[in-house]
C-alpha atoms as a PDB file:
ATOM      1  CA  UNK A   1     137.321  54.854  91.122  1.00  0.00           C
ATOM      2  CA  UNK A   2     139.530  57.709  91.581  1.00  0.00           C
ATOM      3  CA  UNK A   3     139.452  59.902  94.880  1.00  0.00           C
ATOM      4  CA  UNK A   4     140.329  63.451  95.479  1.00  0.00           C
ATOM      5  CA  UNK A   5     142.746  64.492  98.066  1.00  0.00           C
ATOM      6  CA  UNK A   6     140.699  66.300 100.773  1.00  0.00           C
ATOM      7  CA  UNK A   7     142.295  68.574 103.548  1.00  0.00           C
ATOM      8  CA  UNK A   8     140.621  69.768 106.525  1.00  0.00           C
ATOM      9  CA  UNK A   9     142.628  72.010 108.683  1.00  0.00           C
ATOM     10  CA  UNK A  10     141.088  72.443 112.171  1.00  0.00           C
ATOM     11  CA  UNK A  11     141.359  76.368 112.067  1.00  0.00           C
ATOM     12  CA  UNK A  12     140.965  77.229 108.434  1.00  0.00           C
ATOM     13  CA  UNK A  13     137.925  75.027 108.346  1.00  0.00           C
ATOM     14  CA  UNK A  14     136.651  75.222 112.056  1.00  0.00           C
ATOM     15  CA  UNK A  15     133.350  76.417 110.963  1.00  0.00           C
ATOM     16  CA  UNK A  16     132.745  73.487 108.416  1.00  0.00           C
ATOM     17  CA  UNK A  17     133.902  70.918 111.390  1.00  0.00           C
ATOM     18  CA  UNK A  18     131.280  72.641 113.768  1.00  0.00           C
ATOM     19  CA  UNK A  19     128.516  72.073 110.909  1.00  0.00           C
ATOM     20  CA  UNK A  20     129.572  68.718 110.353  1.00  0.00           C
ATOM     21  CA  UNK A  21     129.687  67.749 114.040  1.00  0.00           C
ATOM     22  CA  UNK A  22     126.071  68.827 114.364  1.00  0.00           C
ATOM     23  CA  UNK A  23     124.643  66.663 111.872  1.00  0.00           C
ATOM     24  CA  UNK A  24     126.154  63.617 113.427  1.00  0.00           C
ATOM     25  CA  UNK A  25     124.142  61.569 116.361  1.00  0.00           C
ATOM     26  CA  UNK A  26     126.486  59.191 118.008  1.00  0.00           C
ATOM     27  CA  UNK A  27     125.339  56.085 119.605  1.00  0.00           C
ATOM     28  CA  UNK A  28     125.752  55.090 123.154  1.00  0.00           C
ATOM     29  CA  UNK A  29     129.111  53.978 124.246  1.00  0.00           C
ATOM     30  CA  UNK A  30     132.597  54.299 122.599  1.00  0.00           C
ATOM     31  CA  UNK A  31     132.031  51.534 120.220  1.00  0.00           C
ATOM     32  CA  UNK A  32     128.709  52.350 118.660  1.00  0.00           C
ATOM     33  CA  UNK A  33     128.563  53.877 115.295  1.00  0.00           C
ATOM     34  CA  UNK A  34     128.188  57.653 114.960  1.00  0.00           C
ATOM     35  CA  UNK A  35     125.848  58.647 112.239  1.00  0.00           C
ATOM     36  CA  UNK A  36     125.436  61.085 109.603  1.00  0.00           C
ATOM     37  CA  UNK A  37     121.839  62.340 109.950  1.00  0.00           C
ATOM     38  CA  UNK A  38     121.656  64.949 106.848  1.00  0.00           C
ATOM     39  CA  UNK A  39     121.741  64.326 103.118  1.00  0.00           C
ATOM     40  CA  UNK A  40     121.946  60.783 101.845  1.00  0.00           C
ATOM     41  CA  UNK A  41     122.913  60.210  98.476  1.00  0.00           C
ATOM     42  CA  UNK A  42     121.162  57.644  96.112  1.00  0.00           C
ATOM     43  CA  UNK A  43     123.963  54.924  97.044  1.00  0.00           C
ATOM     44  CA  UNK A  44     122.815  55.287 100.934  1.00  0.00           C
ATOM     45  CA  UNK A  45     126.024  57.184 101.628  1.00  0.00           C
ATOM     46  CA  UNK A  46     125.846  60.423 103.823  1.00  0.00           C
ATOM     47  CA  UNK A  47     126.697  63.489 101.716  1.00  0.00           C
ATOM     48  CA  UNK A  48     127.980  66.867 103.049  1.00  0.00           C
ATOM     49  CA  UNK A  49     128.270  70.467 101.253  1.00  0.00           C
ATOM     50  CA  UNK A  50     132.004  71.991 101.016  1.00  0.00           C
ATOM     51  CA  UNK A  51     131.754  75.769 100.487  1.00  0.00           C
ATOM     52  CA  UNK A  52     135.608  76.321  99.647  1.00  0.00           C
ATOM     53  CA  UNK A  53     137.027  79.264  98.006  1.00  0.00           C
ATOM     54  CA  UNK A  54     137.954  76.884  94.936  1.00  0.00           C
ATOM     55  CA  UNK A  55     134.378  76.271  94.640  1.00  0.00           C
ATOM     56  CA  UNK A  56     131.282  74.408  96.582  1.00  0.00           C
ATOM     57  CA  UNK A  57     131.493  70.471  96.174  1.00  0.00           C
ATOM     58  CA  UNK A  58     129.987  67.622  97.922  1.00  0.00           C
ATOM     59  CA  UNK A  59     131.815  64.804  99.639  1.00  0.00           C
ATOM     60  CA  UNK A  60     130.855  61.767 101.248  1.00  0.00           C
ATOM     61  CA  UNK A  61     130.410  62.311 104.962  1.00  0.00           C
ATOM     62  CA  UNK A  62     132.752  59.400 106.031  1.00  0.00           C
ATOM     63  CA  UNK A  63     135.584  60.741 103.659  1.00  0.00           C
ATOM     64  CA  UNK A  64     135.060  64.359 105.157  1.00  0.00           C
ATOM     65  CA  UNK A  65     135.106  62.480 108.697  1.00  0.00           C
ATOM     66  CA  UNK A  66     138.363  61.006 107.843  1.00  0.00           C
ATOM     67  CA  UNK A  67     139.829  64.022 106.852  1.00  0.00           C
ATOM     68  CA  UNK A  68     138.763  66.014 109.711  1.00  0.00           C
ATOM     69  CA  UNK A  69     140.170  63.402 112.166  1.00  0.00           C
ATOM     70  CA  UNK A  70     143.542  63.162 110.662  1.00  0.00           C
ATOM     71  CA  UNK A  71     143.770  66.617 108.894  1.00  0.00           C
ATOM     72  CA  UNK A  72     143.694  65.172 105.428  1.00  0.00           C
ATOM     73  CA  UNK A  73     142.692  62.133 103.348  1.00  0.00           C
ATOM     74  CA  UNK A  74     145.002  61.717 100.176  1.00  0.00           C
ATOM     75  CA  UNK A  75     144.134  61.170  96.755  1.00  0.00           C
ATOM     76  CA  UNK A  76     143.717  57.609  95.925  1.00  0.00           C
ATOM     77  CA  UNK A  77     142.801  56.486  99.187  1.00  0.00           C
ATOM     78  CA  UNK A  78     139.064  55.909 100.255  1.00  0.00           C
ATOM     79  CA  UNK A  79     137.184  56.076 103.611  1.00  0.00           C
ATOM     80  CA  UNK A  80     136.276  52.466 104.386  1.00  0.00           C
ATOM     81  CA  UNK A  81     133.480  51.276 106.371  1.00  0.00           C
ATOM     82  CA  UNK A  82     134.505  48.260 108.618  1.00  0.00           C
ATOM     83  CA  UNK A  83     131.279  48.407 110.364  1.00  0.00           C
ATOM     84  CA  UNK A  84     129.226  48.283 107.091  1.00  0.00           C
ATOM     85  CA  UNK A  85     127.092  51.310 107.887  1.00  0.00           C
ATOM     86  CA  UNK A  86     126.975  53.579 104.924  1.00  0.00           C
ATOM     87  CA  UNK A  87     125.836  56.319 107.352  1.00  0.00           C
ATOM     88  CA  UNK A  88     128.639  55.889 109.866  1.00  0.00           C
ATOM     89  CA  UNK A  89     131.295  58.667 110.384  1.00  0.00           C
ATOM     90  CA  UNK A  90     133.085  57.376 113.547  1.00  0.00           C
ATOM     91  CA  UNK A  91     136.458  57.349 112.722  1.00  0.00           C
ATOM     92  CA  UNK A  92     138.901  54.614 113.888  1.00  0.00           C
ATOM     93  CA  UNK A  93     139.144  50.579 113.678  1.00  0.00           C
ATOM     94  CA  UNK A  94     135.723  48.810 113.547  1.00  0.00           C
ATOM     95  CA  UNK A  95     134.006  51.843 111.699  1.00  0.00           C
ATOM     96  CA  UNK A  96     135.428  54.129 109.410  1.00  0.00           C
ATOM     97  CA  UNK A  97     139.255  53.900 108.140  1.00  0.00           C
ATOM     98  CA  UNK A  98     141.326  55.353 105.415  1.00  0.00           C
ATOM     99  CA  UNK A  99     142.466  52.287 102.902  1.00  0.00           C
ATOM    100  CA  UNK A 100     142.954  51.756  99.236  1.00  0.00           C
ATOM    101  CA  UNK A 101     140.192  50.677  96.777  1.00  0.00           C
ATOM    102  CA  UNK A 102     141.964  47.413  96.810  1.00  0.00           C
ATOM    103  CA  UNK A 103     141.693  47.143 100.780  1.00  0.00           C
ATOM    104  CA  UNK A 104     138.025  48.111 100.378  1.00  0.00           C
ATOM    105  CA  UNK A 105     137.339  45.161  97.841  1.00  0.00           C
ATOM    106  CA  UNK A 106     139.359  42.553  99.964  1.00  0.00           C
ATOM    107  CA  UNK A 107     137.340  43.602 103.046  1.00  0.00           C
ATOM    108  CA  UNK A 108     134.191  43.417 100.776  1.00  0.00           C
ATOM    109  CA  UNK A 109     135.098  40.045  99.801  1.00  0.00           C
ATOM    110  CA  UNK A 110     136.268  38.320 103.334  1.00  0.00           C
ATOM    111  CA  UNK A 111     132.627  39.737 104.648  1.00  0.00           C
ATOM    112  CA  UNK A 112     130.760  37.975 101.702  1.00  0.00           C
ATOM    113  CA  UNK A 113     129.352  41.324 100.602  1.00  0.00           C
ATOM    114  CA  UNK A 114     129.617  42.939  97.056  1.00  0.00           C
ATOM    115  CA  UNK A 115     127.929  45.234  94.741  1.00  0.00           C
ATOM    116  CA  UNK A 116     126.192  45.344  91.681  1.00  0.00           C
ATOM    117  CA  UNK A 117     122.899  43.186  91.135  1.00  0.00           C
ATOM    118  CA  UNK A 118     122.339  39.614  91.470  1.00  0.00           C
ATOM    119  CA  UNK A 119     125.039  37.376  92.687  1.00  0.00           C
ATOM    120  CA  UNK A 120     127.693  38.961  94.699  1.00  0.00           C
ATOM    121  CA  UNK A 121     125.570  40.932  96.897  1.00  0.00           C
ATOM    122  CA  UNK A 122     126.538  38.738  99.865  1.00  0.00           C
ATOM    123  CA  UNK A 123     124.716  37.906 102.619  1.00  0.00           C
ATOM    124  CA  UNK A 124     122.625  41.152 102.879  1.00  0.00           C
ATOM    125  CA  UNK A 125     121.319  40.601  99.628  1.00  0.00           C
ATOM    126  CA  UNK A 126     120.769  44.750  99.739  1.00  0.00           C
ATOM    127  CA  UNK A 127     121.120  46.212  96.099  1.00  0.00           C
ATOM    128  CA  UNK A 128     121.510  50.226  95.698  1.00  0.00           C
ATOM    129  CA  UNK A 129     117.867  51.153  96.482  1.00  0.00           C
ATOM    130  CA  UNK A 130     117.341  48.679  99.194  1.00  0.00           C
ATOM    131  CA  UNK A 131     120.757  50.286 100.915  1.00  0.00           C
ATOM    132  CA  UNK A 132     119.237  53.899 100.241  1.00  0.00           C
ATOM    133  CA  UNK A 133     116.109  52.848 101.891  1.00  0.00           C
ATOM    134  CA  UNK A 134     117.761  51.735 105.049  1.00  0.00           C
ATOM    135  CA  UNK A 135     119.714  54.707 105.303  1.00  0.00           C
ATOM    136  CA  UNK A 136     116.512  56.808 105.178  1.00  0.00           C
ATOM    137  CA  UNK A 137     114.935  54.649 107.787  1.00  0.00           C
ATOM    138  CA  UNK A 138     118.130  54.840 109.999  1.00  0.00           C
ATOM    139  CA  UNK A 139     118.341  58.707 109.590  1.00  0.00           C
ATOM    140  CA  UNK A 140     114.267  58.975 110.544  1.00  0.00           C
ATOM    141  CA  UNK A 141     115.186  56.761 113.575  1.00  0.00           C
ATOM    142  CA  UNK A 142     117.490  58.764 115.057  1.00  0.00           C
ATOM    143  CA  UNK A 143     116.017  61.917 114.224  1.00  0.00           C
ATOM    144  CA  UNK A 144     112.279  61.298 114.785  1.00  0.00           C
ATOM    145  CA  UNK A 145     113.123  60.151 118.137  1.00  0.00           C
ATOM    146  CA  UNK A 146     115.039  63.087 119.500  1.00  0.00           C
ATOM    147  CA  UNK A 147     118.606  61.214 119.405  1.00  0.00           C
ATOM    148  CA  UNK A 148     119.515  57.856 119.670  1.00  0.00           C
ATOM    149  CA  UNK A 149     116.798  55.017 120.051  1.00  0.00           C
ATOM    150  CA  UNK A 150     118.267  51.645 119.998  1.00  0.00           C
ATOM    151  CA  UNK A 151     115.017  50.136 119.760  1.00  0.00           C
ATOM    152  CA  UNK A 152     114.003  52.629 116.547  1.00  0.00           C
ATOM    153  CA  UNK A 153     117.597  51.858 115.072  1.00  0.00           C
ATOM    154  CA  UNK A 154     117.258  47.946 115.199  1.00  0.00           C
ATOM    155  CA  UNK A 155     113.953  48.295 113.531  1.00  0.00           C
ATOM    156  CA  UNK A 156     115.244  50.282 110.996  1.00  0.00           C
ATOM    157  CA  UNK A 157     118.086  48.087 109.949  1.00  0.00           C
ATOM    158  CA  UNK A 158     115.391  45.685 108.870  1.00  0.00           C
ATOM    159  CA  UNK A 159     113.688  48.138 106.713  1.00  0.00           C
ATOM    160  CA  UNK A 160     115.925  47.343 103.738  1.00  0.00           C
ATOM    161  CA  UNK A 161     114.550  43.488 103.086  1.00  0.00           C
ATOM    162  CA  UNK A 162     112.861  41.710 105.812  1.00  0.00           C
ATOM    163  CA  UNK A 163     114.068  38.484 106.717  1.00  0.00           C
ATOM    164  CA  UNK A 164     117.650  39.402 105.598  1.00  0.00           C
ATOM    165  CA  UNK A 165     120.748  39.680 107.809  1.00  0.00           C
ATOM    166  CA  UNK A 166     121.202  43.163 109.329  1.00  0.00           C
ATOM    167  CA  UNK A 167     123.287  45.793 108.482  1.00  0.00           C
ATOM    168  CA  UNK A 168     125.599  45.541 111.812  1.00  0.00           C
ATOM    169  CA  UNK A 169     126.128  41.682 111.219  1.00  0.00           C
ATOM    170  CA  UNK A 170     129.717  42.201 112.641  1.00  0.00           C
ATOM    171  CA  UNK A 171     130.236  42.303 116.604  1.00  0.00           C
ATOM    172  CA  UNK A 172     129.969  46.326 116.357  1.00  0.00           C
ATOM    173  CA  UNK A 173     127.029  46.997 118.883  1.00  0.00           C
ATOM    174  CA  UNK A 174     124.531  49.472 118.132  1.00  0.00           C
ATOM    175  CA  UNK A 175     123.224  49.842 121.607  1.00  0.00           C
END
């Protein structure tokens, strides 16, 4: 997995940053996730369109969030979700932080989750399609209720696989 360098200058890319911020709905309090409420890829992660002079491209929303907060995210680094919410774009400990792919895999292993199909999915049991379905349910829960609605978000978290551990199994509050 090769990650490209992404620079987000607060002056040069002010319009891009403003557009991104309009697409984010933050949960209540300073510890809740901030959810990207726009395009979702087939893997359940947010997608954000950049219209740069060197050509338009689409990046993961959490990658743009880190670059916007820090000025850039270096090539070879990924934007890791410590909160395990693929739509979260709140930058900082407990949510989205820059790290190596090795850091990301270590975090996945520590939490008992993984990718692929079958064994290794960890405690959530969610495959790619189920993660995507859950992301769409979360987005619908916050956009169809005119903003953050804790009851609707909690209900959406169970949409991937009924009876399975929720997406926010860690101690990150959603309320």
